[in-house]
PDB file of N, CA and C in Angstrom:
ATOM      1  N   MET A   1     -68.950  47.753  90.306  1.00  0.00           N
ATOM      2  CA  MET A   1     -69.815  49.013  90.054  1.00  0.00           C
ATOM      3  C   MET A   1     -70.555  48.725  88.602  1.00  0.00           C
ATOM      4  N   THR A   2     -71.701  49.161  88.590  1.00  0.00           N
ATOM      5  CA  THR A   2     -72.561  48.857  87.314  1.00  0.00           C
ATOM      6  C   THR A   2     -72.709  50.115  86.326  1.00  0.00           C
ATOM      7  N   GLU A   3     -72.710  49.961  85.192  1.00  0.00           N
ATOM      8  CA  GLU A   3     -72.904  51.266  84.239  1.00  0.00           C
ATOM      9  C   GLU A   3     -74.525  50.880  83.918  1.00  0.00           C
ATOM     10  N   TYR A   4     -75.215  52.002  84.193  1.00  0.00           N
ATOM     11  CA  TYR A   4     -76.684  51.890  83.806  1.00  0.00           C
ATOM     12  C   TYR A   4     -76.728  52.937  82.406  1.00  0.00           C
ATOM     13  N   THR A   5     -77.834  52.654  81.743  1.00  0.00           N
ATOM     14  CA  THR A   5     -78.400  53.477  80.590  1.00  0.00           C
ATOM     15  C   THR A   5     -79.858  53.600  81.052  1.00  0.00           C
ATOM     16  N   ILE A   6     -80.446  54.715  80.935  1.00  0.00           N
ATOM     17  CA  ILE A   6     -82.041  54.897  81.097  1.00  0.00           C
ATOM     18  C   ILE A   6     -82.328  55.194  79.689  1.00  0.00           C
ATOM     19  N   ALA A   7     -83.344  54.573  79.114  1.00  0.00           N
ATOM     20  CA  ALA A   7     -83.947  54.998  77.754  1.00  0.00           C
ATOM     21  C   ALA A   7     -85.064  56.010  78.003  1.00  0.00           C
ATOM     22  N   LEU A   8     -85.018  57.174  77.324  1.00  0.00           N
ATOM     23  CA  LEU A   8     -85.933  58.288  77.670  1.00  0.00           C
ATOM     24  C   LEU A   8     -86.388  58.539  76.192  1.00  0.00           C
ATOM     25  N   SER A   9     -87.833  59.393  76.348  1.00  0.00           N
ATOM     26  CA  SER A   9     -88.317  59.693  74.931  1.00  0.00           C
ATOM     27  C   SER A   9     -87.948  60.929  74.292  1.00  0.00           C
ATOM     28  N   SER A  10     -87.241  61.927  75.143  1.00  0.00           N
ATOM     29  CA  SER A  10     -86.771  63.102  74.646  1.00  0.00           C
ATOM     30  C   SER A  10     -85.563  63.635  75.337  1.00  0.00           C
ATOM     31  N   VAL A  11     -85.040  64.660  74.743  1.00  0.00           N
ATOM     32  CA  VAL A  11     -83.733  65.319  75.319  1.00  0.00           C
ATOM     33  C   VAL A  11     -84.105  65.999  76.522  1.00  0.00           C
ATOM     34  N   THR A  12     -85.532  66.561  76.603  1.00  0.00           N
ATOM     35  CA  THR A  12     -85.980  67.291  77.846  1.00  0.00           C
ATOM     36  C   THR A  12     -86.064  66.301  78.978  1.00  0.00           C
ATOM     37  N   THR A  13     -86.649  65.115  78.682  1.00  0.00           N
ATOM     38  CA  THR A  13     -86.836  64.195  79.817  1.00  0.00           C
ATOM     39  C   THR A  13     -85.488  63.709  80.229  1.00  0.00           C
ATOM     40  N   ALA A  14     -84.412  63.591  79.336  1.00  0.00           N
ATOM     41  CA  ALA A  14     -83.225  63.099  79.856  1.00  0.00           C
ATOM     42  C   ALA A  14     -82.390  64.221  80.508  1.00  0.00           C
ATOM     43  N   ALA A  15     -82.584  65.437  80.177  1.00  0.00           N
ATOM     44  CA  ALA A  15     -82.064  66.501  81.173  1.00  0.00           C
ATOM     45  C   ALA A  15     -82.722  66.499  82.476  1.00  0.00           C
ATOM     46  N   ARG A  16     -84.045  66.168  82.592  1.00  0.00           N
ATOM     47  CA  ARG A  16     -84.852  66.225  83.914  1.00  0.00           C
ATOM     48  C   ARG A  16     -84.173  64.889  84.853  1.00  0.00           C
ATOM     49  N   ALA A  17     -84.027  63.818  84.025  1.00  0.00           N
ATOM     50  CA  ALA A  17     -83.343  62.541  84.726  1.00  0.00           C
ATOM     51  C   ALA A  17     -81.974  62.943  85.235  1.00  0.00           C
ATOM     52  N   LYS A  18     -81.245  63.547  84.458  1.00  0.00           N
ATOM     53  CA  LYS A  18     -79.939  63.796  84.733  1.00  0.00           C
ATOM     54  C   LYS A  18     -79.726  64.620  86.073  1.00  0.00           C
ATOM     55  N   GLU A  19     -80.645  65.658  86.089  1.00  0.00           N
ATOM     56  CA  GLU A  19     -80.525  66.518  87.268  1.00  0.00           C
ATOM     57  C   GLU A  19     -81.025  65.804  88.412  1.00  0.00           C
ATOM     58  N   LEU A  20     -82.166  64.936  88.383  1.00  0.00           N
ATOM     59  CA  LEU A  20     -82.598  64.178  89.327  1.00  0.00           C
ATOM     60  C   LEU A  20     -81.487  63.225  90.038  1.00  0.00           C
ATOM     61  N   LEU A  21     -80.774  62.599  88.987  1.00  0.00           N
ATOM     62  CA  LEU A  21     -79.527  61.753  89.302  1.00  0.00           C
ATOM     63  C   LEU A  21     -78.472  62.651  90.091  1.00  0.00           C
ATOM     64  N   ARG A  22     -78.105  63.661  89.551  1.00  0.00           N
ATOM     65  CA  ARG A  22     -77.184  64.625  90.087  1.00  0.00           C
ATOM     66  C   ARG A  22     -77.537  64.949  91.641  1.00  0.00           C
ATOM     67  N   GLN A  23     -78.892  65.225  91.930  1.00  0.00           N
ATOM     68  CA  GLN A  23     -79.150  65.473  93.299  1.00  0.00           C
ATOM     69  C   GLN A  23     -79.125  64.432  94.079  1.00  0.00           C
ATOM     70  N   SER A  24     -78.998  63.059  93.672  1.00  0.00           N
ATOM     71  CA  SER A  24     -78.766  61.821  94.232  1.00  0.00           C
ATOM     72  C   SER A  24     -77.297  61.607  94.522  1.00  0.00           C
ATOM     73  N   GLY A  25     -76.311  62.440  93.945  1.00  0.00           N
ATOM     74  CA  GLY A  25     -74.932  62.264  93.910  1.00  0.00           C
ATOM     75  C   GLY A  25     -74.450  61.239  92.787  1.00  0.00           C
ATOM     76  N   ILE A  26     -75.307  61.269  91.739  1.00  0.00           N
ATOM     77  CA  ILE A  26     -74.777  60.451  90.647  1.00  0.00           C
ATOM     78  C   ILE A  26     -74.690  61.307  89.335  1.00  0.00           C
ATOM     79  N   ASP A  27     -73.309  61.169  88.901  1.00  0.00           N
ATOM     80  CA  ASP A  27     -72.987  61.973  87.621  1.00  0.00           C
ATOM     81  C   ASP A  27     -73.346  61.238  86.365  1.00  0.00           C
ATOM     82  N   ALA A  28     -74.415  61.779  85.720  1.00  0.00           N
ATOM     83  CA  ALA A  28     -74.912  61.059  84.440  1.00  0.00           C
ATOM     84  C   ALA A  28     -74.452  61.939  83.269  1.00  0.00           C
ATOM     85  N   ARG A  29     -74.621  61.311  82.003  1.00  0.00           N
ATOM     86  CA  ARG A  29     -74.275  62.126  80.759  1.00  0.00           C
ATOM     87  C   ARG A  29     -75.432  61.642  79.753  1.00  0.00           C
ATOM     88  N   ILE A  30     -75.851  62.680  79.304  1.00  0.00           N
ATOM     89  CA  ILE A  30     -76.964  62.545  78.071  1.00  0.00           C
ATOM     90  C   ILE A  30     -76.332  61.822  76.899  1.00  0.00           C
ATOM     91  N   THR A  31     -76.880  60.660  76.291  1.00  0.00           N
ATOM     92  CA  THR A  31     -76.493  59.975  75.282  1.00  0.00           C
ATOM     93  C   THR A  31     -77.693  59.803  74.222  1.00  0.00           C
ATOM     94  N   ARG A  32     -77.159  59.580  72.952  1.00  0.00           N
ATOM     95  CA  ARG A  32     -78.023  59.294  71.865  1.00  0.00           C
ATOM     96  C   ARG A  32     -77.933  57.830  71.979  1.00  0.00           C
ATOM     97  N   LEU A  33     -79.273  57.260  71.821  1.00  0.00           N
ATOM     98  CA  LEU A  33     -79.493  55.812  71.566  1.00  0.00           C
ATOM     99  C   LEU A  33     -79.654  55.422  70.225  1.00  0.00           C
ATOM    100  N   LEU A  34     -79.049  54.162  69.773  1.00  0.00           N
ATOM    101  CA  LEU A  34     -79.396  53.591  68.365  1.00  0.00           C
ATOM    102  C   LEU A  34     -80.727  53.279  68.272  1.00  0.00           C
ATOM    103  N   PRO A  35     -81.235  53.310  67.019  1.00  0.00           N
ATOM    104  CA  PRO A  35     -82.716  53.186  66.793  1.00  0.00           C
ATOM    105  C   PRO A  35     -83.260  51.713  67.205  1.00  0.00           C
ATOM    106  N   GLY A  36     -82.487  50.617  67.261  1.00  0.00           N
ATOM    107  CA  GLY A  36     -83.124  49.359  67.573  1.00  0.00           C
ATOM    108  C   GLY A  36     -82.777  48.933  69.198  1.00  0.00           C
ATOM    109  N   MET A  37     -82.352  49.899  69.896  1.00  0.00           N
ATOM    110  CA  MET A  37     -81.957  49.505  71.171  1.00  0.00           C
ATOM    111  C   MET A  37     -82.937  49.236  72.192  1.00  0.00           C
ATOM    112  N   THR A  38     -84.079  49.882  71.865  1.00  0.00           N
ATOM    113  CA  THR A  38     -85.299  49.671  72.847  1.00  0.00           C
ATOM    114  C   THR A  38     -86.524  49.229  72.132  1.00  0.00           C
ATOM    115  N   GLU A  39     -87.424  48.676  72.737  1.00  0.00           N
ATOM    116  CA  GLU A  39     -88.767  48.130  72.076  1.00  0.00           C
ATOM    117  C   GLU A  39     -89.511  49.417  71.697  1.00  0.00           C
ATOM    118  N   LYS A  40     -89.439  50.501  72.536  1.00  0.00           N
ATOM    119  CA  LYS A  40     -90.219  51.643  72.085  1.00  0.00           C
ATOM    120  C   LYS A  40     -89.441  52.546  71.233  1.00  0.00           C
ATOM    121  N   GLY A  41     -88.340  52.364  70.998  1.00  0.00           N
ATOM    122  CA  GLY A  41     -87.534  53.255  70.040  1.00  0.00           C
ATOM    123  C   GLY A  41     -87.143  54.568  70.558  1.00  0.00           C
ATOM    124  N   CYS A  42     -86.852  54.587  71.967  1.00  0.00           N
ATOM    125  CA  CYS A  42     -86.447  55.910  72.485  1.00  0.00           C
ATOM    126  C   CYS A  42     -85.129  56.151  71.876  1.00  0.00           C
ATOM    127  N   ALA A  43     -84.951  57.569  71.719  1.00  0.00           N
ATOM    128  CA  ALA A  43     -83.782  58.050  71.107  1.00  0.00           C
ATOM    129  C   ALA A  43     -82.720  58.558  72.068  1.00  0.00           C
ATOM    130  N   TRP A  44     -83.179  58.735  73.249  1.00  0.00           N
ATOM    131  CA  TRP A  44     -82.285  59.542  74.229  1.00  0.00           C
ATOM    132  C   TRP A  44     -81.954  58.617  75.479  1.00  0.00           C
ATOM    133  N   GLY A  45     -80.947  58.917  76.104  1.00  0.00           N
ATOM    134  CA  GLY A  45     -80.765  58.184  77.220  1.00  0.00           C
ATOM    135  C   GLY A  45     -79.721  58.851  78.379  1.00  0.00           C
ATOM    136  N   ASP A  46     -79.609  58.341  79.318  1.00  0.00           N
ATOM    137  CA  ASP A  46     -78.688  58.958  80.568  1.00  0.00           C
ATOM    138  C   ASP A  46     -77.774  57.884  80.782  1.00  0.00           C
ATOM    139  N   SER A  47     -76.546  58.024  80.782  1.00  0.00           N
ATOM    140  CA  SER A  47     -75.713  56.822  81.072  1.00  0.00           C
ATOM    141  C   SER A  47     -74.904  57.193  82.391  1.00  0.00           C
ATOM    142  N   PHE A  48     -74.687  56.265  83.221  1.00  0.00           N
ATOM    143  CA  PHE A  48     -73.902  56.580  84.520  1.00  0.00           C
ATOM    144  C   PHE A  48     -73.369  55.315  85.276  1.00  0.00           C
ATOM    145  N   PHE A  49     -72.517  55.499  85.994  1.00  0.00           N
ATOM    146  CA  PHE A  49     -72.110  54.441  86.848  1.00  0.00           C
ATOM    147  C   PHE A  49     -72.543  54.697  88.282  1.00  0.00           C
ATOM    148  N   ALA A  50     -72.959  53.425  88.843  1.00  0.00           N
ATOM    149  CA  ALA A  50     -73.549  53.510  90.273  1.00  0.00           C
ATOM    150  C   ALA A  50     -73.407  52.137  90.837  1.00  0.00           C
ATOM    151  N   ALA A  51     -73.163  52.215  92.268  1.00  0.00           N
ATOM    152  CA  ALA A  51     -73.236  51.061  93.078  1.00  0.00           C
ATOM    153  C   ALA A  51     -74.587  50.650  93.774  1.00  0.00           C
ATOM    154  N   MET A  52     -75.630  50.912  92.837  1.00  0.00           N
ATOM    155  CA  MET A  52     -76.994  50.707  93.259  1.00  0.00           C
ATOM    156  C   MET A  52     -77.666  49.459  92.427  1.00  0.00           C
ATOM    157  N   GLU A  53     -78.696  49.019  92.861  1.00  0.00           N
ATOM    158  CA  GLU A  53     -79.686  47.892  92.033  1.00  0.00           C
ATOM    159  C   GLU A  53     -80.304  48.648  91.114  1.00  0.00           C
ATOM    160  N   ARG A  54     -80.827  47.842  90.113  1.00  0.00           N
ATOM    161  CA  ARG A  54     -81.767  48.582  88.937  1.00  0.00           C
ATOM    162  C   ARG A  54     -83.077  48.890  89.734  1.00  0.00           C
ATOM    163  N   GLU A  55     -83.599  48.264  90.625  1.00  0.00           N
ATOM    164  CA  GLU A  55     -84.947  48.490  91.354  1.00  0.00           C
ATOM    165  C   GLU A  55     -84.587  49.921  92.053  1.00  0.00           C
ATOM    166  N   GLN A  56     -83.551  50.203  92.696  1.00  0.00           N
ATOM    167  CA  GLN A  56     -83.293  51.435  93.343  1.00  0.00           C
ATOM    168  C   GLN A  56     -83.375  52.686  92.342  1.00  0.00           C
ATOM    169  N   ILE A  57     -82.643  52.387  91.115  1.00  0.00           N
ATOM    170  CA  ILE A  57     -82.643  53.330  90.079  1.00  0.00           C
ATOM    171  C   ILE A  57     -84.141  53.660  89.747  1.00  0.00           C
ATOM    172  N   GLU A  58     -84.708  52.609  89.353  1.00  0.00           N
ATOM    173  CA  GLU A  58     -86.206  52.696  88.878  1.00  0.00           C
ATOM    174  C   GLU A  58     -87.040  53.394  90.061  1.00  0.00           C
ATOM    175  N   MET A  59     -86.822  53.093  91.299  1.00  0.00           N
ATOM    176  CA  MET A  59     -87.678  53.793  92.300  1.00  0.00           C
ATOM    177  C   MET A  59     -87.402  55.127  92.369  1.00  0.00           C
ATOM    178  N   LEU A  60     -86.061  55.698  92.296  1.00  0.00           N
ATOM    179  CA  LEU A  60     -85.624  57.103  92.346  1.00  0.00           C
ATOM    180  C   LEU A  60     -86.497  57.797  91.088  1.00  0.00           C
ATOM    181  N   LEU A  61     -86.317  57.295  89.943  1.00  0.00           N
ATOM    182  CA  LEU A  61     -87.008  57.873  88.768  1.00  0.00           C
ATOM    183  C   LEU A  61     -88.552  57.895  88.873  1.00  0.00           C
ATOM    184  N   ARG A  62     -89.179  56.867  89.418  1.00  0.00           N
ATOM    185  CA  ARG A  62     -90.607  56.966  89.849  1.00  0.00           C
ATOM    186  C   ARG A  62     -91.060  58.205  90.849  1.00  0.00           C
ATOM    187  N   ARG A  63     -90.124  58.084  91.805  1.00  0.00           N
ATOM    188  CA  ARG A  63     -90.325  59.410  92.864  1.00  0.00           C
ATOM    189  C   ARG A  63     -90.226  60.568  92.385  1.00  0.00           C
ATOM    190  N   GLY A  64     -89.345  60.678  91.295  1.00  0.00           N
ATOM    191  CA  GLY A  64     -89.026  62.074  90.651  1.00  0.00           C
ATOM    192  C   GLY A  64     -89.980  62.383  89.533  1.00  0.00           C
ATOM    193  N   ARG A  65     -90.909  61.354  89.355  1.00  0.00           N
ATOM    194  CA  ARG A  65     -91.953  61.346  88.239  1.00  0.00           C
ATOM    195  C   ARG A  65     -91.374  61.569  86.870  1.00  0.00           C
ATOM    196  N   VAL A  66     -90.171  60.860  86.594  1.00  0.00           N
ATOM    197  CA  VAL A  66     -89.467  60.800  85.341  1.00  0.00           C
ATOM    198  C   VAL A  66     -89.952  59.638  84.557  1.00  0.00           C
ATOM    199  N   ARG A  67     -90.709  59.966  83.474  1.00  0.00           N
ATOM    200  CA  ARG A  67     -91.152  58.734  82.493  1.00  0.00           C
ATOM    201  C   ARG A  67     -89.996  58.146  81.748  1.00  0.00           C
ATOM    202  N   TYR A  68     -89.927  56.858  81.889  1.00  0.00           N
ATOM    203  CA  TYR A  68     -88.786  56.280  81.128  1.00  0.00           C
ATOM    204  C   TYR A  68     -89.313  54.840  80.609  1.00  0.00           C
ATOM    205  N   SER A  69     -88.572  54.307  79.490  1.00  0.00           N
ATOM    206  CA  SER A  69     -89.083  52.986  78.972  1.00  0.00           C
ATOM    207  C   SER A  69     -88.446  51.987  79.435  1.00  0.00           C
ATOM    208  N   GLU A  70     -86.925  51.914  79.786  1.00  0.00           N
ATOM    209  CA  GLU A  70     -86.177  50.881  80.117  1.00  0.00           C
ATOM    210  C   GLU A  70     -84.791  51.261  80.916  1.00  0.00           C
ATOM    211  N   VAL A  71     -84.498  50.556  81.761  1.00  0.00           N
ATOM    212  CA  VAL A  71     -82.988  50.650  82.388  1.00  0.00           C
ATOM    213  C   VAL A  71     -82.179  49.488  81.817  1.00  0.00           C
ATOM    214  N   PHE A  72     -80.945  49.744  81.240  1.00  0.00           N
ATOM    215  CA  PHE A  72     -80.118  48.784  80.832  1.00  0.00           C
ATOM    216  C   PHE A  72     -79.030  48.701  81.839  1.00  0.00           C
ATOM    217  N   SER A  73     -78.386  47.553  82.231  1.00  0.00           N
ATOM    218  CA  SER A  73     -77.255  47.722  82.917  1.00  0.00           C
ATOM    219  C   SER A  73     -76.037  46.834  82.347  1.00  0.00           C
ATOM    220  N   THR A  74     -74.841  47.138  82.644  1.00  0.00           N
ATOM    221  CA  THR A  74     -73.526  46.418  82.235  1.00  0.00           C
ATOM    222  C   THR A  74     -72.790  46.236  83.581  1.00  0.00           C
ATOM    223  N   GLN A  75     -72.522  45.116  83.946  1.00  0.00           N
ATOM    224  CA  GLN A  75     -71.411  44.980  85.104  1.00  0.00           C
ATOM    225  C   GLN A  75     -70.050  45.060  84.674  1.00  0.00           C
ATOM    226  N   MET A  76     -69.383  45.906  85.407  1.00  0.00           N
ATOM    227  CA  MET A  76     -67.853  46.001  85.180  1.00  0.00           C
ATOM    228  C   MET A  76     -67.124  44.825  85.559  1.00  0.00           C
ATOM    229  N   LYS A  77     -66.308  44.316  84.857  1.00  0.00           N
ATOM    230  CA  LYS A  77     -65.490  43.263  85.092  1.00  0.00           C
ATOM    231  C   LYS A  77     -64.124  43.564  85.771  1.00  0.00           C
ATOM    232  N   ARG A  78     -63.714  43.049  86.680  1.00  0.00           N
ATOM    233  CA  ARG A  78     -62.319  43.205  87.242  1.00  0.00           C
ATOM    234  C   ARG A  78     -61.453  42.389  86.849  1.00  0.00           C
ATOM    235  N   HIS A  79     -60.259  42.793  86.407  1.00  0.00           N
ATOM    236  CA  HIS A  79     -59.198  41.864  85.822  1.00  0.00           C
ATOM    237  C   HIS A  79     -58.129  41.640  87.045  1.00  0.00           C
ATOM    238  N   GLY A  80     -57.722  40.314  87.229  1.00  0.00           N
ATOM    239  CA  GLY A  80     -57.081  39.872  88.464  1.00  0.00           C
ATOM    240  C   GLY A  80     -55.450  39.579  87.932  1.00  0.00           C
ATOM    241  N   GLY A  81     -55.008  40.417  87.017  1.00  0.00           N
ATOM    242  CA  GLY A  81     -53.752  40.074  86.491  1.00  0.00           C
ATOM    243  C   GLY A  81     -52.835  40.639  87.427  1.00  0.00           C
ATOM    244  N   GLU A  82     -51.423  40.307  87.241  1.00  0.00           N
ATOM    245  CA  GLU A  82     -50.336  40.832  88.029  1.00  0.00           C
ATOM    246  C   GLU A  82     -50.020  42.262  87.623  1.00  0.00           C
ATOM    247  N   ARG A  83     -49.522  42.919  88.458  1.00  0.00           N
ATOM    248  CA  ARG A  83     -49.149  44.371  88.556  1.00  0.00           C
ATOM    249  C   ARG A  83     -47.633  44.522  88.508  1.00  0.00           C
ATOM    250  N   GLY A  84     -47.314  45.441  87.940  1.00  0.00           N
ATOM    251  CA  GLY A  84     -45.806  45.950  87.889  1.00  0.00           C
ATOM    252  C   GLY A  84     -44.742  44.929  87.297  1.00  0.00           C
ATOM    253  N   ARG A  85     -45.038  44.374  86.420  1.00  0.00           N
ATOM    254  CA  ARG A  85     -43.988  43.485  85.817  1.00  0.00           C
ATOM    255  C   ARG A  85     -42.927  44.311  84.922  1.00  0.00           C
TER     256      ARG A  85
END
């Protein structure tokens, strides 16, 4: 599973994107971004986990006419350690 963050210019746009994601079955949360995280300096983001490719997320946003600047992703790592010691 991958964690995504969509960089957005305003909290209003973040709320619209969150609703669009919710309609697609994705539970997102609105977050504040640090000043240097994006080239355009976007201050808001929506973060969520999904088993989708970045291109699918971007297509969903374009279809919903949500303007965004970037989509970041972080792959979750699985640990293969022993259980129940």
